[in-house]
C-alpha atoms as a PDB file:
ATOM      1  CA  GLY A   1      96.518 132.372  82.683  1.00  0.00           C
ATOM      2  CA  LYS A   2      94.513 129.571  84.305  1.00  0.00           C
ATOM      3  CA  LEU A   3      94.186 128.230  87.817  1.00  0.00           C
ATOM      4  CA  ILE A   4      93.270 124.583  88.437  1.00  0.00           C
ATOM      5  CA  VAL A   5      91.525 123.830  91.731  1.00  0.00           C
ATOM      6  CA  ALA A   6      90.636 120.464  93.276  1.00  0.00           C
ATOM      7  CA  TYR A   7      86.926 120.602  94.101  1.00  0.00           C
ATOM      8  CA  THR A   8      87.311 117.705  96.494  1.00  0.00           C
ATOM      9  CA  LEU A   9      83.775 116.915  97.656  1.00  0.00           C
ATOM     10  CA  ASN A  10      82.423 117.258  94.116  1.00  0.00           C
ATOM     11  CA  HIS A  11      85.065 114.831  92.723  1.00  0.00           C
ATOM     12  CA  THR A  12      86.104 117.312  90.032  1.00  0.00           C
ATOM     13  CA  LEU A  13      88.828 119.729  89.029  1.00  0.00           C
ATOM     14  CA  ARG A  14      87.750 123.256  88.231  1.00  0.00           C
ATOM     15  CA  GLN A  15      89.465 125.752  85.953  1.00  0.00           C
ATOM     16  CA  ILE A  16      89.415 129.458  86.727  1.00  0.00           C
ATOM     17  CA  GLU A  17      90.443 131.604  83.777  1.00  0.00           C
ATOM     18  CA  THR A  18      91.660 135.171  83.736  1.00  0.00           C
ATOM     19  CA  GLY A  19      88.529 137.281  84.059  1.00  0.00           C
ATOM     20  CA  GLY A  20      86.904 134.898  86.537  1.00  0.00           C
ATOM     21  CA  VAL A  21      85.284 132.345  84.198  1.00  0.00           C
ATOM     22  CA  VAL A  22      84.939 129.068  86.121  1.00  0.00           C
ATOM     23  CA  SER A  23      84.340 125.692  84.474  1.00  0.00           C
ATOM     24  CA  THR A  24      84.681 122.010  85.237  1.00  0.00           C
ATOM     25  CA  TRP A  25      87.954 120.975  83.634  1.00  0.00           C
ATOM     26  CA  SER A  26      88.012 117.324  84.553  1.00  0.00           C
ATOM     27  CA  GLY A  27      85.674 114.946  86.320  1.00  0.00           C
ATOM     28  CA  LEU A  28      81.946 114.844  85.840  1.00  0.00           C
ATOM     29  CA  THR A  29      79.938 117.007  88.208  1.00  0.00           C
ATOM     30  CA  GLY A  30      77.138 115.107  89.901  1.00  0.00           C
ATOM     31  CA  SER A  31      78.261 111.696  88.651  1.00  0.00           C
ATOM     32  CA  GLY A  32      79.731 110.607  91.974  1.00  0.00           C
ATOM     33  CA  ASN A  33      83.165 109.243  92.466  1.00  0.00           C
ATOM     34  CA  GLY A  34      85.208 106.733  90.524  1.00  0.00           C
ATOM     35  CA  ALA A  35      88.639 105.944  89.131  1.00  0.00           C
ATOM     36  CA  THR A  36      88.162 106.296  85.399  1.00  0.00           C
ATOM     37  CA  ASP A  37      90.807 107.677  83.039  1.00  0.00           C
ATOM     38  CA  GLY A  38      89.474 109.696  80.112  1.00  0.00           C
ATOM     39  CA  ILE A  39      89.209 113.134  78.564  1.00  0.00           C
ATOM     40  CA  GLY A  40      87.819 116.067  80.545  1.00  0.00           C
ATOM     41  CA  PRO A  41      84.470 115.303  82.134  1.00  0.00           C
ATOM     42  CA  SER A  42      84.576 111.609  81.175  1.00  0.00           C
ATOM     43  CA  ALA A  43      87.281 111.037  83.808  1.00  0.00           C
ATOM     44  CA  LYS A  44      86.284 110.211  87.378  1.00  0.00           C
ATOM     45  CA  PHE A  45      88.009 110.960  90.681  1.00  0.00           C
ATOM     46  CA  ASN A  46      87.341 110.083  94.316  1.00  0.00           C
ATOM     47  CA  LEU A  47      88.044 113.098  96.515  1.00  0.00           C
ATOM     48  CA  PRO A  48      90.856 114.736  94.528  1.00  0.00           C
ATOM     49  CA  ASP A  49      92.773 116.688  97.118  1.00  0.00           C
ATOM     50  CA  ALA A  50      95.814 118.455  95.717  1.00  0.00           C
ATOM     51  CA  VAL A  51      97.230 119.585  92.394  1.00  0.00           C
ATOM     52  CA  ALA A  52     100.695 120.516  91.131  1.00  0.00           C
ATOM     53  CA  THR A  53     101.977 121.342  87.664  1.00  0.00           C
ATOM     54  CA  ASP A  54     105.161 120.448  85.841  1.00  0.00           C
ATOM     55  CA  GLY A  55     107.184 122.608  83.477  1.00  0.00           C
ATOM     56  CA  VAL A  56     105.219 121.601  80.372  1.00  0.00           C
ATOM     57  CA  GLY A  57     101.700 122.200  81.684  1.00  0.00           C
ATOM     58  CA  ASN A  58     100.702 118.765  82.947  1.00  0.00           C
ATOM     59  CA  VAL A  59      98.672 118.796  86.152  1.00  0.00           C
ATOM     60  CA  PHE A  60      99.232 116.053  88.724  1.00  0.00           C
ATOM     61  CA  VAL A  61      96.411 115.208  91.111  1.00  0.00           C
ATOM     62  CA  ALA A  62      96.447 113.441  94.468  1.00  0.00           C
ATOM     63  CA  ASP A  63      93.289 111.355  94.019  1.00  0.00           C
ATOM     64  CA  SER A  64      93.127 110.699  97.734  1.00  0.00           C
ATOM     65  CA  TRP A  65      90.402 108.086  98.216  1.00  0.00           C
ATOM     66  CA  ASN A  66      91.437 106.224  95.078  1.00  0.00           C
ATOM     67  CA  ASN A  67      94.979 106.007  96.504  1.00  0.00           C
ATOM     68  CA  MET A  68      96.265 107.098  93.096  1.00  0.00           C
ATOM     69  CA  ILE A  69      98.259 109.873  91.491  1.00  0.00           C
ATOM     70  CA  ARG A  70      96.722 111.039  88.229  1.00  0.00           C
ATOM     71  CA  LYS A  71      98.099 113.202  85.416  1.00  0.00           C
ATOM     72  CA  ILE A  72      96.074 115.579  83.275  1.00  0.00           C
ATOM     73  CA  THR A  73      97.641 116.904  80.081  1.00  0.00           C
ATOM     74  CA  PRO A  74      96.963 120.445  78.827  1.00  0.00           C
ATOM     75  CA  GLN A  75      94.385 118.822  76.493  1.00  0.00           C
ATOM     76  CA  ALA A  76      92.540 117.449  79.596  1.00  0.00           C
ATOM     77  CA  VAL A  77      93.534 113.805  79.008  1.00  0.00           C
ATOM     78  CA  VAL A  78      93.523 112.042  82.392  1.00  0.00           C
ATOM     79  CA  THR A  79      95.729 109.002  83.026  1.00  0.00           C
ATOM     80  CA  THR A  80      96.749 107.183  86.173  1.00  0.00           C
ATOM     81  CA  VAL A  81     100.468 107.589  86.836  1.00  0.00           C
ATOM     82  CA  ALA A  82     100.781 105.429  89.939  1.00  0.00           C
ATOM     83  CA  GLY A  83      98.693 103.616  92.508  1.00  0.00           C
ATOM     84  CA  VAL A  84      95.696 101.351  92.361  1.00  0.00           C
ATOM     85  CA  SER A  85      92.069 101.938  93.250  1.00  0.00           C
ATOM     86  CA  GLY A  86      89.658  99.485  94.777  1.00  0.00           C
ATOM     87  CA  LEU A  87      91.609  98.667  97.926  1.00  0.00           C
ATOM     88  CA  ALA A  88      89.577  98.897 101.119  1.00  0.00           C
ATOM     89  CA  PHE A  89      92.667 100.465 102.643  1.00  0.00           C
ATOM     90  CA  GLY A  90      95.825 101.522 100.891  1.00  0.00           C
ATOM     91  CA  GLY A  91      99.299 100.343 101.646  1.00  0.00           C
ATOM     92  CA  LEU A  92     102.929 101.238 101.296  1.00  0.00           C
ATOM     93  CA  THR A  93     104.463  99.487  98.311  1.00  0.00           C
ATOM     94  CA  ASP A  94     107.117 100.927  96.021  1.00  0.00           C
ATOM     95  CA  GLY A  95     107.133  99.926  92.343  1.00  0.00           C
ATOM     96  CA  SER A  96     106.113 101.192  88.930  1.00  0.00           C
ATOM     97  CA  GLY A  97     102.682 102.454  87.956  1.00  0.00           C
ATOM     98  CA  SER A  98      99.872 100.280  89.300  1.00  0.00           C
ATOM     99  CA  ASN A  99     102.349  98.123  91.238  1.00  0.00           C
ATOM    100  CA  ALA A 100     102.867 101.029  93.665  1.00  0.00           C
ATOM    101  CA  ILE A 101     100.397 101.409  96.516  1.00  0.00           C
ATOM    102  CA  PHE A 102      99.566 104.625  98.405  1.00  0.00           C
ATOM    103  CA  PHE A 103      97.308 105.272 101.381  1.00  0.00           C
ATOM    104  CA  ASP A 104      95.376 108.556 101.259  1.00  0.00           C
ATOM    105  CA  PRO A 105      97.821 110.778  99.332  1.00  0.00           C
ATOM    106  CA  HIS A 106      97.305 114.496  99.853  1.00  0.00           C
ATOM    107  CA  GLY A 107     100.014 117.033  99.043  1.00  0.00           C
ATOM    108  CA  LEU A 108     102.016 117.143  95.793  1.00  0.00           C
ATOM    109  CA  THR A 109     104.867 119.074  94.281  1.00  0.00           C
ATOM    110  CA  VAL A 110     106.865 118.637  91.076  1.00  0.00           C
ATOM    111  CA  ASP A 111     110.573 119.451  90.769  1.00  0.00           C
ATOM    112  CA  ALA A 112     112.435 120.837  87.743  1.00  0.00           C
ATOM    113  CA  ASP A 113     113.388 117.296  86.631  1.00  0.00           C
ATOM    114  CA  GLY A 114     109.747 116.166  86.470  1.00  0.00           C
ATOM    115  CA  ASN A 115     109.809 114.112  89.683  1.00  0.00           C
ATOM    116  CA  VAL A 116     106.532 114.218  91.603  1.00  0.00           C
ATOM    117  CA  TYR A 117     106.753 114.205  95.406  1.00  0.00           C
ATOM    118  CA  VAL A 118     103.696 112.962  97.276  1.00  0.00           C
ATOM    119  CA  ALA A 119     102.701 113.402 100.906  1.00  0.00           C
ATOM    120  CA  ASP A 120     101.334 109.891 101.471  1.00  0.00           C
ATOM    121  CA  SER A 121      99.436 110.924 104.568  1.00  0.00           C
ATOM    122  CA  ALA A 122      98.137 107.689 106.095  1.00  0.00           C
ATOM    123  CA  ASN A 123     101.573 106.126 105.578  1.00  0.00           C
ATOM    124  CA  ASN A 124     103.369 109.081 107.186  1.00  0.00           C
ATOM    125  CA  ALA A 125     105.698 108.999 104.202  1.00  0.00           C
ATOM    126  CA  ILE A 126     107.029 111.131 101.380  1.00  0.00           C
ATOM    127  CA  ARG A 127     107.036 109.264  98.098  1.00  0.00           C
ATOM    128  CA  LYS A 128     108.785 110.132  94.847  1.00  0.00           C
ATOM    129  CA  ILE A 129     107.476 109.286  91.372  1.00  0.00           C
ATOM    130  CA  ASN A 130     110.102 109.689  88.671  1.00  0.00           C
ATOM    131  CA  PRO A 131     109.188 110.556  85.053  1.00  0.00           C
ATOM    132  CA  GLN A 132     109.093 106.814  84.198  1.00  0.00           C
ATOM    133  CA  ALA A 133     106.416 106.295  86.941  1.00  0.00           C
ATOM    134  CA  ALA A 134     108.724 104.423  89.332  1.00  0.00           C
ATOM    135  CA  VAL A 135     107.661 105.101  92.922  1.00  0.00           C
ATOM    136  CA  SER A 136     110.084 105.085  95.842  1.00  0.00           C
ATOM    137  CA  THR A 137     109.749 106.059  99.493  1.00  0.00           C
ATOM    138  CA  VAL A 138     112.168 108.862 100.339  1.00  0.00           C
ATOM    139  CA  ALA A 139     111.171 109.591 103.954  1.00  0.00           C
ATOM    140  CA  GLY A 140     108.929 108.232 106.660  1.00  0.00           C
ATOM    141  CA  SER A 141     106.938 105.030 106.306  1.00  0.00           C
ATOM    142  CA  ASN A 142     105.875 104.232 109.834  1.00  0.00           C
ATOM    143  CA  PRO A 143     103.449 101.311 109.381  1.00  0.00           C
ATOM    144  CA  ALA A 144     102.453 101.363 113.054  1.00  0.00           C
ATOM    145  CA  ALA A 145     101.030 104.863 112.606  1.00  0.00           C
ATOM    146  CA  ARG A 146      98.415 103.584 110.161  1.00  0.00           C
ATOM    147  CA  GLY A 147      96.406 102.074 113.080  1.00  0.00           C
END
């Protein structure tokens, strides 16, 4: 009964409920960008670009300029699943959690087994994050295209 929308330039996620009620669900409007985990508006994002949900109601977010993939529980608890913020440019490194590096992730989808697939746009790669937060590259990865 709810729709979650990435409000990219405002660094927030908005919730649209049945009946048209719109509210900020996560990220603090007007506070600028950041890479802070937290609950609801105490979390910070940097140009969140895409969202996808799993079978139990978690929302995954491509936090594009933080080069991170974030998870928001149905209770609005935001945690970083994979990637690391603070890099001037991202990279292409497989690994678990903060050991994995992305470069401008955009699209997301979640399969029935809870694997998250990420369009890692500046890497020209498709990355997979399994439920244990291990990241692997499943297609692409042309480093020369990062120019």
